Amino acid sequence: MGKEIMETTDYSIFRSVIENRDIKEERMEVILGSIRKKNLLHLCPLLVSADMYIIDGQHRLEAAKRLGLSVFYILSDEILGKEDVILFNTTQNNWELLDYAKSHAKGGDENYIKLLAFCRRNSIGLGPAIVFFGYSKRHLKTIIVGGKFVFDEQKGVSAEKVLKNYRDFLARCALCQDRRYYLLFSSYSFLQAISLHPEKTEESEFFSKLFALKDGIQKFSGYRHCEAQFKSLGLI
């Protein structure tokens, strides 16, 4: 016999795990639109732990709140830790790397708090960002999901200088009639190549020379190929 499905309009009884991923507005719009057409919340109850933490259904709860509707839920016999709730959610839904990074940050991990702040300040994604801290793209998932990222302050300061020069350089490329330059230099391989030589790329002179020699840069198959072209042009 299945567990009893309970109903309430007292949304305050539910507790959220702070490290769980954020409410996604695009997903909320889909759920809200579906409910407005036909309210089937009773067919998809929330799963709640014995101490009222939401194990599954935070978006449905938020939708019910916004529409002033009853919440239907099933109460588990178990008291689960926050790690259990997160584990359940990551196996039930497609968590993105940003969800994991935010989860670590919400849990108080200073490395991820600083990483996310670094990404915001520099308008850069997690993938490109971590190469400036010595991590490779192929290890991105392991590093971010596993909570293994370490924010090196010195590398962070250096990376900010490089990225400022890079943004100025890319803006100049965007003004060129030939879009090939912008597409070439906005690639992940290019970012990885410049991250390997901060002693050069921290200086605006590197990018000034590169802009003057840009016609000599051919399409590259990876960051090593890009780095080799830097060497052939005498940039590094």
Protein backbone atom coordinates (compact mmCIF):
# COMPACT_ATOMS: atom_id res chain seq x y z
CA MET A 1 0.00 0.00 0.00
CA GLY A 2 1.42 3.42 -0.98
CA LYS A 3 2.06 6.25 1.41
CA GLU A 4 -0.70 8.77 2.07
CA ILE A 5 -0.64 11.89 -0.07
CA MET A 6 -1.17 14.92 2.16
CA GLU A 7 -2.41 18.38 1.21
CA THR A 8 -1.69 21.81 2.64
CA THR A 9 -1.65 25.50 1.83
CA ASP A 10 0.76 26.23 4.67
CA TYR A 11 3.93 26.61 2.64
CA SER A 12 5.96 27.54 5.72
CA ILE A 13 6.06 23.95 6.97
CA PHE A 14 8.53 22.99 4.22
CA ARG A 15 12.25 23.42 4.59
CA SER A 16 14.76 23.85 1.77
CA VAL A 17 18.36 22.67 1.68
CA ILE A 18 20.38 25.82 1.09
CA GLU A 19 22.92 23.93 -1.05
CA ASN A 20 20.22 22.74 -3.44
CA ARG A 21 20.28 24.40 -6.85
CA ASP A 22 18.51 27.68 -7.47
CA ILE A 23 14.98 27.95 -8.79
CA LYS A 24 15.29 28.24 -12.58
CA GLU A 25 12.87 30.80 -13.97
CA GLU A 26 12.72 29.23 -17.43
CA ARG A 27 11.64 25.95 -15.88
CA MET A 28 9.20 27.78 -13.61
CA GLU A 29 7.50 29.38 -16.62
CA VAL A 30 6.94 25.96 -18.17
CA ILE A 31 5.51 24.55 -14.93
CA LEU A 32 3.31 27.59 -14.31
CA GLY A 33 1.98 27.48 -17.88
CA SER A 34 1.17 23.79 -17.55
CA ILE A 35 -0.64 24.27 -14.22
CA ARG A 36 -2.65 27.21 -15.57
CA LYS A 37 -3.92 24.97 -18.37
CA LYS A 38 -4.73 22.11 -16.02
CA ASN A 39 -3.76 21.73 -12.38
CA LEU A 40 -2.34 18.24 -11.95
CA LEU A 41 -0.21 18.92 -8.88
CA HIS A 42 -2.11 16.23 -6.99
CA LEU A 43 -0.71 13.64 -9.41
CA CYS A 44 2.90 14.67 -8.76
CA PRO A 45 3.29 15.22 -5.00
CA LEU A 46 6.43 16.58 -3.36
CA LEU A 47 8.68 14.09 -1.61
CA VAL A 48 9.52 15.40 1.86
CA SER A 49 11.81 14.00 4.55
CA ALA A 50 10.58 13.28 8.08
CA ASP A 51 11.99 16.64 9.21
CA MET A 52 10.18 18.42 6.33
CA TYR A 53 13.12 19.04 4.00
CA ILE A 54 12.08 18.96 0.34
CA ILE A 55 13.76 15.97 -1.26
CA ASP A 56 12.09 16.42 -4.63
CA GLY A 57 9.73 19.13 -5.87
CA GLN A 58 11.10 22.59 -5.02
CA HIS A 59 9.89 23.98 -8.36
CA ARG A 60 6.40 22.56 -7.87
CA LEU A 61 6.27 24.07 -4.38
CA GLU A 62 7.30 27.46 -5.74
CA ALA A 63 4.66 27.20 -8.50
CA ALA A 64 1.95 26.41 -5.94
CA LYS A 65 3.03 29.41 -3.85
CA ARG A 66 2.89 31.79 -6.79
CA LEU A 67 -0.53 30.57 -7.87
CA GLY A 68 -1.96 30.21 -4.34
CA LEU A 69 -2.69 26.52 -4.79
CA SER A 70 -2.63 23.55 -2.46
CA VAL A 71 0.61 21.60 -2.15
CA PHE A 72 0.43 17.80 -2.23
CA TYR A 73 3.25 15.88 -0.60
CA ILE A 74 4.36 12.48 0.61
CA LEU A 75 6.18 12.28 3.92
CA SER A 76 9.22 9.99 4.10
CA ASP A 77 9.93 8.00 7.26
CA GLU A 78 13.59 8.98 7.12
CA ILE A 79 15.43 12.03 8.38
CA LEU A 80 17.90 12.82 5.61
CA GLY A 81 21.04 14.93 5.70
CA LYS A 82 21.63 17.71 3.20
CA GLU A 83 24.09 15.48 1.32
CA ASP A 84 21.34 12.89 0.81
CA VAL A 85 18.93 15.50 -0.55
CA ILE A 86 21.52 16.85 -2.96
CA LEU A 87 22.48 13.33 -4.06
CA PHE A 88 18.83 12.52 -4.78
CA ASN A 89 18.39 15.70 -6.83
CA THR A 90 21.57 15.26 -8.85
CA THR A 91 20.55 11.75 -9.85
CA GLN A 92 16.94 12.68 -10.60
CA ASN A 93 17.60 15.87 -12.61
CA ASN A 94 20.22 17.17 -14.99
CA TRP A 95 22.34 19.39 -12.79
CA GLU A 96 24.61 21.73 -14.71
CA LEU A 97 28.15 22.51 -13.58
CA LEU A 98 27.03 25.96 -12.46
CA ASP A 99 24.44 24.29 -10.18
CA TYR A 100 27.23 22.30 -8.49
CA ALA A 101 29.46 25.36 -8.12
CA LYS A 102 26.59 27.36 -6.58
CA SER A 103 25.78 24.46 -4.27
CA HIS A 104 29.36 24.38 -2.95
CA ALA A 105 29.30 28.18 -2.56
CA LYS A 106 25.98 28.11 -0.68
CA GLY A 107 27.52 25.53 1.64
CA GLY A 108 30.19 28.06 2.59
CA ASP A 109 33.10 26.83 0.46
CA GLU A 110 35.23 29.97 0.01
CA ASN A 111 36.95 28.53 -3.05
CA TYR A 112 33.66 28.40 -4.95
CA ILE A 113 32.40 31.71 -3.56
CA LYS A 114 35.56 33.36 -4.94
CA LEU A 115 35.37 31.41 -8.22
CA LEU A 116 31.80 32.52 -8.91
CA ALA A 117 32.68 36.12 -8.02
CA PHE A 118 35.67 35.90 -10.38
CA CYS A 119 33.40 34.64 -13.19
CA ARG A 120 30.90 37.46 -12.64
CA ARG A 121 33.56 40.19 -12.54
CA ASN A 122 35.18 38.96 -15.72
CA SER A 123 32.05 37.84 -17.60
CA ILE A 124 33.54 34.40 -18.11
CA GLY A 125 32.16 30.87 -17.80
CA LEU A 126 33.39 28.20 -15.40
CA GLY A 127 35.18 26.24 -18.13
CA PRO A 128 37.36 29.08 -19.38
CA ALA A 129 37.84 30.41 -15.84
CA ILE A 130 39.43 27.32 -14.33
CA VAL A 131 42.19 27.13 -16.96
CA PHE A 132 43.61 30.32 -15.44
CA PHE A 133 44.01 28.40 -12.18
CA GLY A 134 45.94 25.52 -13.72
CA TYR A 135 43.09 23.10 -14.41
CA SER A 136 42.39 21.56 -17.80
CA LYS A 137 39.03 21.47 -19.56
CA ARG A 138 38.93 17.67 -19.54
CA HIS A 139 38.99 17.69 -15.71
CA LEU A 140 36.30 20.38 -15.44
CA LYS A 141 33.50 18.07 -14.35
CA THR A 142 35.65 16.20 -11.81
CA ILE A 143 36.92 19.44 -10.29
CA ILE A 144 33.60 21.30 -10.08
CA VAL A 145 31.29 18.40 -9.18
CA GLY A 146 33.73 16.88 -6.72
CA GLY A 147 34.35 20.14 -4.87
CA LYS A 148 38.09 19.94 -5.56
CA PHE A 149 38.64 23.42 -6.95
CA VAL A 150 41.13 25.57 -5.04
CA PHE A 151 41.12 29.33 -5.63
CA ASP A 152 44.72 30.55 -5.81
CA GLU A 153 44.73 34.26 -4.95
CA GLN A 154 47.95 35.01 -6.84
CA LYS A 155 46.71 33.29 -9.98
CA GLY A 156 43.40 35.10 -9.61
CA VAL A 157 45.10 38.51 -9.60
CA SER A 158 47.19 37.56 -12.61
CA ALA A 159 44.18 36.20 -14.48
CA GLU A 160 42.23 39.45 -13.96
CA LYS A 161 45.06 41.41 -15.62
CA VAL A 162 45.21 38.97 -18.54
CA LEU A 163 41.45 39.00 -19.03
CA LYS A 164 41.27 42.80 -19.00
CA ASN A 165 43.86 42.92 -21.79
CA TYR A 166 42.05 40.12 -23.59
CA ARG A 167 38.67 41.90 -23.48
CA ASP A 168 40.24 45.08 -24.90
CA PHE A 169 41.92 43.03 -27.63
CA LEU A 170 38.71 41.17 -28.49
CA ALA A 171 36.83 44.47 -28.71
CA ARG A 172 39.35 45.64 -31.32
CA CYS A 173 38.90 42.39 -33.24
CA ALA A 174 35.13 42.85 -33.18
CA LEU A 175 35.57 46.13 -35.10
CA CYS A 176 37.41 44.39 -37.94
CA GLN A 177 35.43 43.79 -41.10
CA ASP A 178 36.63 40.19 -41.18
CA ARG A 179 34.67 38.26 -38.50
CA ARG A 180 37.24 35.47 -38.69
CA TYR A 181 39.48 37.25 -36.21
CA TYR A 182 36.80 37.60 -33.56
CA LEU A 183 35.71 33.97 -33.91
CA LEU A 184 39.30 32.74 -33.84
CA PHE A 185 40.35 34.68 -30.77
CA SER A 186 37.16 34.08 -28.77
CA SER A 187 37.74 30.31 -28.85
CA TYR A 188 38.44 28.17 -25.79
CA SER A 189 41.78 27.07 -27.27
CA PHE A 190 42.98 30.66 -27.51
CA LEU A 191 41.99 31.38 -23.90
CA GLN A 192 43.81 28.29 -22.72
CA ALA A 193 46.93 29.28 -24.68
CA ILE A 194 47.09 32.80 -23.20
CA SER A 195 46.47 31.39 -19.71
CA LEU A 196 49.72 29.41 -19.95
CA HIS A 197 51.92 32.51 -20.30
CA PRO A 198 50.71 35.14 -17.82
CA GLU A 199 54.22 36.64 -17.66
CA LYS A 200 53.59 37.79 -21.25
CA THR A 201 49.81 38.13 -21.47
CA GLU A 202 49.56 40.27 -18.31
CA GLU A 203 51.15 42.99 -20.43
CA SER A 204 49.03 44.86 -22.97
CA GLU A 205 52.06 44.84 -25.31
CA PHE A 206 51.48 41.13 -26.03
CA PHE A 207 48.00 41.82 -27.37
CA SER A 208 49.10 44.92 -29.28
CA LYS A 209 51.72 42.86 -31.09
CA LEU A 210 49.24 40.05 -31.67
CA PHE A 211 46.73 42.45 -33.20
CA ALA A 212 49.40 43.77 -35.57
CA LEU A 213 50.38 40.20 -36.51
CA LYS A 214 46.86 38.72 -36.53
CA ASP A 215 47.00 37.92 -40.25
CA GLY A 216 49.78 35.47 -39.46
CA ILE A 217 47.60 33.41 -37.12
CA GLN A 218 45.99 30.43 -38.80
CA LYS A 219 43.00 28.43 -37.55
CA PHE A 220 44.29 26.21 -34.77
CA SER A 221 43.26 22.69 -33.80
CA GLY A 222 43.92 23.14 -30.08
CA TYR A 223 45.71 25.28 -27.55
CA ARG A 224 49.09 23.67 -28.23
CA HIS A 225 48.80 24.57 -31.91
CA CYS A 226 47.85 28.12 -30.94
CA GLU A 227 50.80 28.30 -28.54
CA ALA A 228 53.14 27.09 -31.31
CA GLN A 229 51.98 29.95 -33.52
CA PHE A 230 52.66 32.43 -30.73
CA LYS A 231 56.23 31.11 -30.63
CA SER A 232 56.68 31.24 -34.40
CA LEU A 233 55.62 34.91 -34.38
CA GLY A 234 57.98 35.70 -31.50
CA LEU A 235 55.19 36.55 -29.07
CA ILE A 236 56.36 34.16 -26.36
